[in-house]
Amino acid sequence: MNGRMMGVAALAFLVSLASIAFAQSDELADYSGRPVDHSGRHGDGHAQMHDKYKLWRPPQNPNTSCCDNSDCRPTRAFVDDDGHWRAWNGVTWLVVPPDRVLPPNHAGDGRSHLCEKEQFIYCFAPGEIRG
């Protein structure tokens, strides 16, 4: 095999590896390795939890709902160095106001959940605290 053929073969191999990595990069897994919807993007994982979300009430305004059928979904979250929760909305990490935080594992599935639209957080439920 000449040098040019080897170069083409190496390039094809690298492209195939990159394709596999790219295809898997959008699939997240929980601690057990099972795929989960934690992307934080609107709509991801909402349908499976909708019946629970529609019952959630913001701590600062319990006469309203956290959910309007499109703004709640599972997400990734962490506590920052200042002790504030940060939640991923699919675009950026949002600082969660303390008065929007529901009790830990409020959803009962161990995951964090975010009810947010246009970076306004209605409710945030931290998942099980692991560490």
N, C-alpha and C. Protein backbone atom coordinates (compact mmCIF):
# COMPACT_ATOMS: atom_id res chain seq x y z
N MET A 1 0.86 -1.17 0.00
CA MET A 1 0.00 0.00 0.00
C MET A 1 0.90 1.23 0.00
N ASN A 2 0.67 2.14 -0.94
CA ASN A 2 1.52 3.32 -1.01
C ASN A 2 1.11 4.35 0.05
N GLY A 3 1.90 5.39 0.18
CA GLY A 3 1.68 6.40 1.20
C GLY A 3 0.34 7.10 1.09
N ARG A 4 -0.08 7.37 -0.15
CA ARG A 4 -1.35 8.07 -0.35
C ARG A 4 -2.53 7.20 0.09
N MET A 5 -2.48 5.92 -0.24
CA MET A 5 -3.55 4.99 0.15
C MET A 5 -3.62 4.86 1.66
N MET A 6 -2.45 4.81 2.31
CA MET A 6 -2.43 4.71 3.77
C MET A 6 -3.03 5.97 4.40
N GLY A 7 -2.73 7.11 3.81
CA GLY A 7 -3.29 8.37 4.31
C GLY A 7 -4.80 8.40 4.20
N VAL A 8 -5.32 7.94 3.06
CA VAL A 8 -6.77 7.89 2.85
C VAL A 8 -7.40 6.92 3.84
N ALA A 9 -6.79 5.76 4.04
CA ALA A 9 -7.32 4.77 4.99
C ALA A 9 -7.32 5.32 6.41
N ALA A 10 -6.24 6.01 6.79
CA ALA A 10 -6.17 6.59 8.13
C ALA A 10 -7.23 7.67 8.31
N LEU A 11 -7.43 8.49 7.30
CA LEU A 11 -8.45 9.53 7.37
C LEU A 11 -9.84 8.92 7.49
N ALA A 12 -10.12 7.88 6.72
CA ALA A 12 -11.43 7.21 6.80
C ALA A 12 -11.65 6.64 8.19
N PHE A 13 -10.62 6.06 8.78
CA PHE A 13 -10.71 5.50 10.12
C PHE A 13 -11.02 6.60 11.14
N LEU A 14 -10.31 7.72 11.06
CA LEU A 14 -10.53 8.83 11.99
C LEU A 14 -11.93 9.42 11.84
N VAL A 15 -12.41 9.54 10.62
CA VAL A 15 -13.76 10.06 10.39
C VAL A 15 -14.80 9.12 10.99
N SER A 16 -14.59 7.82 10.85
CA SER A 16 -15.56 6.87 11.43
C SER A 16 -15.54 6.93 12.95
N LEU A 17 -14.36 7.08 13.56
CA LEU A 17 -14.28 7.23 15.01
C LEU A 17 -14.98 8.50 15.47
N ALA A 18 -14.75 9.59 14.77
CA ALA A 18 -15.39 10.86 15.12
C ALA A 18 -16.90 10.75 15.00
N SER A 19 -17.38 10.05 13.99
CA SER A 19 -18.83 9.88 13.81
C SER A 19 -19.44 9.12 14.97
N ILE A 20 -18.77 8.07 15.41
CA ILE A 20 -19.26 7.29 16.55
C ILE A 20 -19.29 8.16 17.80
N ALA A 21 -18.22 8.89 18.06
CA ALA A 21 -18.16 9.75 19.24
C ALA A 21 -19.24 10.82 19.19
N PHE A 22 -19.44 11.43 18.03
CA PHE A 22 -20.46 12.46 17.89
C PHE A 22 -21.85 11.89 18.12
N ALA A 23 -22.12 10.72 17.60
CA ALA A 23 -23.44 10.10 17.75
C ALA A 23 -23.73 9.79 19.21
N GLN A 24 -22.72 9.43 19.97
CA GLN A 24 -22.92 9.07 21.37
C GLN A 24 -22.86 10.27 22.28
N SER A 25 -22.32 11.40 21.85
CA SER A 25 -22.14 12.54 22.74
C SER A 25 -23.45 13.12 23.21
N ASP A 26 -24.53 12.96 22.46
CA ASP A 26 -25.81 13.52 22.85
C ASP A 26 -26.60 12.58 23.75
N GLU A 27 -26.13 11.35 23.90
CA GLU A 27 -26.81 10.39 24.77
C GLU A 27 -26.11 10.37 26.11
N LEU A 28 -26.81 10.79 27.14
CA LEU A 28 -26.24 10.83 28.47
C LEU A 28 -26.62 9.57 29.21
N ALA A 29 -25.88 9.24 30.24
CA ALA A 29 -26.21 8.06 31.04
C ALA A 29 -26.19 8.43 32.50
N ASP A 30 -27.05 7.79 33.28
CA ASP A 30 -27.03 8.03 34.72
C ASP A 30 -25.94 7.16 35.34
N TYR A 31 -25.85 7.14 36.66
CA TYR A 31 -24.78 6.43 37.34
C TYR A 31 -24.81 4.93 37.07
N SER A 32 -25.94 4.38 36.64
CA SER A 32 -26.02 2.95 36.35
C SER A 32 -25.62 2.64 34.91
N GLY A 33 -25.40 3.68 34.10
CA GLY A 33 -25.02 3.47 32.71
C GLY A 33 -26.20 3.44 31.76
N ARG A 34 -27.43 3.56 32.28
CA ARG A 34 -28.61 3.55 31.41
C ARG A 34 -28.78 4.92 30.77
N PRO A 35 -29.20 5.00 29.50
CA PRO A 35 -29.45 6.29 28.86
C PRO A 35 -30.60 7.02 29.57
N VAL A 36 -30.46 8.32 29.75
CA VAL A 36 -31.50 9.13 30.37
C VAL A 36 -31.61 10.47 29.66
N ASP A 37 -32.72 11.16 29.88
CA ASP A 37 -32.92 12.49 29.32
C ASP A 37 -32.45 13.53 30.33
N HIS A 38 -31.21 13.96 30.23
CA HIS A 38 -30.66 14.99 31.11
C HIS A 38 -30.14 16.16 30.29
N SER A 39 -30.53 16.27 29.06
CA SER A 39 -29.93 17.29 28.21
C SER A 39 -30.29 18.69 28.66
N GLY A 40 -31.40 18.83 29.39
CA GLY A 40 -31.85 20.15 29.80
C GLY A 40 -32.61 20.89 28.73
N ARG A 41 -32.67 20.32 27.52
CA ARG A 41 -33.38 20.99 26.43
C ARG A 41 -34.88 20.89 26.64
N HIS A 42 -35.59 21.92 26.21
CA HIS A 42 -37.05 21.91 26.29
C HIS A 42 -37.60 20.67 25.61
N GLY A 43 -38.50 19.99 26.28
CA GLY A 43 -39.16 18.82 25.72
C GLY A 43 -38.50 17.50 26.05
N ASP A 44 -37.19 17.48 26.28
CA ASP A 44 -36.52 16.21 26.57
C ASP A 44 -36.94 15.68 27.93
N GLY A 45 -37.63 14.56 27.93
CA GLY A 45 -38.04 13.92 29.17
C GLY A 45 -39.31 14.44 29.79
N HIS A 46 -39.92 15.47 29.20
CA HIS A 46 -41.13 16.07 29.80
C HIS A 46 -42.30 15.09 29.82
N ALA A 47 -42.54 14.42 28.72
CA ALA A 47 -43.73 13.58 28.60
C ALA A 47 -43.80 12.51 29.68
N GLN A 48 -42.65 11.91 30.01
CA GLN A 48 -42.63 10.85 31.00
C GLN A 48 -42.97 11.37 32.40
N MET A 49 -42.74 12.63 32.66
CA MET A 49 -42.93 13.20 34.00
C MET A 49 -44.11 14.18 34.08
N HIS A 50 -44.82 14.38 32.99
CA HIS A 50 -45.84 15.43 32.94
C HIS A 50 -46.86 15.32 34.07
N ASP A 51 -47.32 14.12 34.38
CA ASP A 51 -48.34 13.98 35.42
C ASP A 51 -47.84 14.47 36.78
N LYS A 52 -46.55 14.34 37.04
CA LYS A 52 -45.98 14.86 38.29
C LYS A 52 -45.78 16.37 38.19
N TYR A 53 -45.22 16.83 37.06
CA TYR A 53 -44.94 18.26 36.91
C TYR A 53 -46.19 19.11 37.10
N LYS A 54 -47.32 18.67 36.58
CA LYS A 54 -48.52 19.51 36.64
C LYS A 54 -49.01 19.73 38.07
N LEU A 55 -48.52 18.93 39.01
CA LEU A 55 -48.89 19.09 40.42
C LEU A 55 -47.90 19.95 41.21
N TRP A 56 -46.77 20.28 40.61
CA TRP A 56 -45.75 21.04 41.32
C TRP A 56 -46.15 22.50 41.46
N ARG A 57 -45.85 23.08 42.62
CA ARG A 57 -46.15 24.48 42.92
C ARG A 57 -44.87 25.20 43.32
N PRO A 58 -44.64 26.41 42.81
CA PRO A 58 -43.45 27.16 43.22
C PRO A 58 -43.53 27.49 44.71
N PRO A 59 -42.44 27.29 45.45
CA PRO A 59 -42.46 27.58 46.89
C PRO A 59 -42.88 29.02 47.20
N GLN A 60 -42.49 29.98 46.35
CA GLN A 60 -42.79 31.38 46.62
C GLN A 60 -44.21 31.78 46.19
N ASN A 61 -44.91 30.91 45.46
CA ASN A 61 -46.26 31.23 44.99
C ASN A 61 -47.06 29.94 44.82
N PRO A 62 -47.49 29.32 45.92
CA PRO A 62 -48.13 28.00 45.85
C PRO A 62 -49.49 27.96 45.17
N ASN A 63 -50.05 29.11 44.81
CA ASN A 63 -51.34 29.13 44.11
C ASN A 63 -51.18 29.01 42.60
N THR A 64 -49.94 28.93 42.12
CA THR A 64 -49.69 28.78 40.69
C THR A 64 -49.00 27.44 40.44
N SER A 65 -48.76 27.13 39.19
CA SER A 65 -48.10 25.88 38.82
C SER A 65 -46.71 26.16 38.28
N CYS A 66 -45.83 25.20 38.47
CA CYS A 66 -44.48 25.30 37.87
C CYS A 66 -44.51 24.99 36.39
N CYS A 67 -45.54 24.27 35.95
CA CYS A 67 -45.54 23.69 34.62
C CYS A 67 -46.69 24.20 33.76
N ASP A 68 -46.38 24.59 32.53
CA ASP A 68 -47.44 24.98 31.59
C ASP A 68 -47.44 24.04 30.37
N ASN A 69 -47.03 22.80 30.60
CA ASN A 69 -46.98 21.75 29.58
C ASN A 69 -45.77 21.83 28.66
N SER A 70 -44.85 22.75 28.89
CA SER A 70 -43.70 22.82 27.99
C SER A 70 -42.41 23.24 28.67
N ASP A 71 -42.43 23.59 29.94
CA ASP A 71 -41.22 24.18 30.50
C ASP A 71 -40.49 23.33 31.54
N CYS A 72 -40.96 22.14 31.87
CA CYS A 72 -40.29 21.28 32.84
C CYS A 72 -39.65 20.08 32.14
N ARG A 73 -38.50 19.67 32.66
CA ARG A 73 -37.82 18.50 32.11
C ARG A 73 -36.67 18.11 33.04
N PRO A 74 -36.20 16.84 32.93
CA PRO A 74 -35.02 16.43 33.68
C PRO A 74 -33.81 17.24 33.21
N THR A 75 -32.86 17.45 34.10
CA THR A 75 -31.69 18.22 33.75
C THR A 75 -30.49 17.78 34.56
N ARG A 76 -29.36 18.36 34.26
CA ARG A 76 -28.15 18.18 35.06
C ARG A 76 -28.04 19.38 35.98
N ALA A 77 -27.45 19.18 37.16
CA ALA A 77 -27.33 20.27 38.12
C ALA A 77 -26.16 20.01 39.06
N PHE A 78 -25.70 21.08 39.68
CA PHE A 78 -24.65 20.96 40.69
C PHE A 78 -24.72 22.17 41.62
N VAL A 79 -24.06 22.06 42.76
CA VAL A 79 -23.95 23.18 43.69
C VAL A 79 -22.60 23.85 43.42
N ASP A 80 -22.63 25.17 43.17
CA ASP A 80 -21.39 25.87 42.84
C ASP A 80 -20.60 26.21 44.11
N ASP A 81 -19.46 26.87 43.93
CA ASP A 81 -18.58 27.20 45.06
C ASP A 81 -19.21 28.15 46.06
N ASP A 82 -20.24 28.88 45.64
CA ASP A 82 -20.94 29.80 46.54
C ASP A 82 -22.13 29.15 47.22
N GLY A 83 -22.35 27.86 46.96
CA GLY A 83 -23.46 27.15 47.59
C GLY A 83 -24.79 27.28 46.87
N HIS A 84 -24.78 27.83 45.64
CA HIS A 84 -26.00 27.97 44.86
C HIS A 84 -26.16 26.80 43.90
N TRP A 85 -27.40 26.38 43.73
CA TRP A 85 -27.66 25.37 42.71
C TRP A 85 -27.51 26.01 41.33
N ARG A 86 -26.95 25.26 40.40
CA ARG A 86 -26.90 25.63 38.99
C ARG A 86 -27.53 24.50 38.20
N ALA A 87 -28.37 24.87 37.26
CA ALA A 87 -29.09 23.88 36.44
C ALA A 87 -28.86 24.19 34.97
N TRP A 88 -28.71 23.15 34.18
CA TRP A 88 -28.45 23.25 32.74
C TRP A 88 -29.78 23.34 32.01
N ASN A 89 -29.97 24.37 31.19
CA ASN A 89 -31.21 24.51 30.43
C ASN A 89 -31.05 24.10 28.96
N GLY A 90 -29.97 23.43 28.65
CA GLY A 90 -29.70 23.00 27.28
C GLY A 90 -28.83 23.97 26.53
N VAL A 91 -28.63 25.17 27.10
CA VAL A 91 -27.81 26.20 26.46
C VAL A 91 -26.74 26.71 27.41
N THR A 92 -27.13 26.96 28.67
CA THR A 92 -26.22 27.55 29.65
C THR A 92 -26.56 27.06 31.05
N TRP A 93 -25.62 27.24 31.96
CA TRP A 93 -25.87 26.92 33.37
C TRP A 93 -26.54 28.12 34.02
N LEU A 94 -27.73 27.90 34.56
CA LEU A 94 -28.49 28.96 35.22
C LEU A 94 -28.30 28.87 36.73
N VAL A 95 -28.17 30.02 37.39
CA VAL A 95 -28.16 30.06 38.85
C VAL A 95 -29.60 29.97 39.31
N VAL A 96 -29.90 29.01 40.17
CA VAL A 96 -31.26 28.80 40.65
C VAL A 96 -31.50 29.66 41.88
N PRO A 97 -32.49 30.57 41.84
CA PRO A 97 -32.81 31.35 43.04
C PRO A 97 -33.24 30.42 44.17
N PRO A 98 -32.75 30.64 45.39
CA PRO A 98 -33.08 29.74 46.50
C PRO A 98 -34.58 29.58 46.74
N ASP A 99 -35.38 30.60 46.42
CA ASP A 99 -36.82 30.50 46.67
C ASP A 99 -37.56 29.71 45.59
N ARG A 100 -36.82 29.14 44.63
CA ARG A 100 -37.42 28.32 43.57
C ARG A 100 -37.07 26.84 43.74
N VAL A 101 -36.33 26.52 44.80
CA VAL A 101 -35.85 25.15 45.00
C VAL A 101 -36.89 24.33 45.76
N LEU A 102 -37.29 23.23 45.16
CA LEU A 102 -38.19 22.27 45.79
C LEU A 102 -37.36 21.29 46.62
N PRO A 103 -38.00 20.44 47.43
CA PRO A 103 -37.23 19.48 48.23
C PRO A 103 -36.42 18.52 47.34
N PRO A 104 -35.29 18.02 47.84
CA PRO A 104 -34.49 17.06 47.07
C PRO A 104 -35.31 15.84 46.68
N ASN A 105 -35.06 15.35 45.49
CA ASN A 105 -35.72 14.18 44.91
C ASN A 105 -37.24 14.32 44.92
N HIS A 106 -37.73 15.52 44.70
CA HIS A 106 -39.17 15.81 44.66
C HIS A 106 -39.87 14.98 43.58
N ALA A 107 -39.15 14.67 42.52
CA ALA A 107 -39.73 13.88 41.43
C ALA A 107 -39.77 12.39 41.75
N GLY A 108 -38.97 11.96 42.71
CA GLY A 108 -38.96 10.57 43.10
C GLY A 108 -38.18 9.64 42.19
N ASP A 109 -37.42 10.20 41.25
CA ASP A 109 -36.66 9.34 40.33
C ASP A 109 -35.15 9.52 40.46
N GLY A 110 -34.72 10.32 41.44
CA GLY A 110 -33.29 10.52 41.66
C GLY A 110 -32.65 11.57 40.79
N ARG A 111 -33.37 12.08 39.78
CA ARG A 111 -32.82 13.08 38.86
C ARG A 111 -33.20 14.49 39.28
N SER A 112 -32.42 15.45 38.81
CA SER A 112 -32.79 16.86 38.98
C SER A 112 -33.75 17.24 37.87
N HIS A 113 -34.64 18.19 38.17
CA HIS A 113 -35.64 18.64 37.20
C HIS A 113 -35.72 20.16 37.24
N LEU A 114 -35.93 20.75 36.07
CA LEU A 114 -35.98 22.20 35.92
C LEU A 114 -37.25 22.60 35.19
N CYS A 115 -37.97 23.58 35.75
CA CYS A 115 -39.11 24.20 35.07
C CYS A 115 -38.66 25.62 34.77
N GLU A 116 -38.44 25.91 33.49
CA GLU A 116 -37.80 27.16 33.07
C GLU A 116 -38.23 27.51 31.67
N LYS A 117 -38.33 28.80 31.41
CA LYS A 117 -38.59 29.28 30.06
C LYS A 117 -37.83 30.59 29.88
N GLU A 118 -37.06 30.67 28.80
CA GLU A 118 -36.27 31.86 28.48
C GLU A 118 -35.43 32.32 29.67
N GLN A 119 -34.80 31.36 30.34
CA GLN A 119 -33.90 31.55 31.47
C GLN A 119 -34.58 32.04 32.74
N PHE A 120 -35.92 32.05 32.77
CA PHE A 120 -36.65 32.34 34.00
C PHE A 120 -37.02 31.01 34.64
N ILE A 121 -36.56 30.79 35.86
CA ILE A 121 -36.79 29.53 36.55
C ILE A 121 -38.06 29.63 37.39
N TYR A 122 -39.01 28.73 37.11
CA TYR A 122 -40.24 28.64 37.90
C TYR A 122 -40.02 27.74 39.10
N CYS A 123 -39.41 26.57 38.87
CA CYS A 123 -39.13 25.61 39.93
C CYS A 123 -37.89 24.81 39.56
N PHE A 124 -37.21 24.35 40.58
CA PHE A 124 -36.09 23.45 40.39
C PHE A 124 -36.14 22.40 41.49
N ALA A 125 -36.06 21.15 41.11
CA ALA A 125 -36.05 20.04 42.07
C ALA A 125 -34.71 19.32 41.96
N PRO A 126 -33.85 19.46 42.98
CA PRO A 126 -32.58 18.74 42.92
C PRO A 126 -32.81 17.24 43.01
N GLY A 127 -31.94 16.49 42.36
CA GLY A 127 -32.03 15.04 42.44
C GLY A 127 -31.45 14.54 43.75
N GLU A 128 -31.25 13.24 43.81
CA GLU A 128 -30.61 12.67 44.99
C GLU A 128 -29.22 13.25 45.11
N ILE A 129 -28.85 13.64 46.29
CA ILE A 129 -27.52 14.19 46.53
C ILE A 129 -26.54 13.02 46.59
N ARG A 130 -25.56 13.05 45.69
CA ARG A 130 -24.53 12.01 45.66
C ARG A 130 -23.18 12.70 45.82
N GLY A 131 -22.29 12.03 46.45
CA GLY A 131 -21.00 12.66 46.55
C GLY A 131 -20.05 12.01 47.45
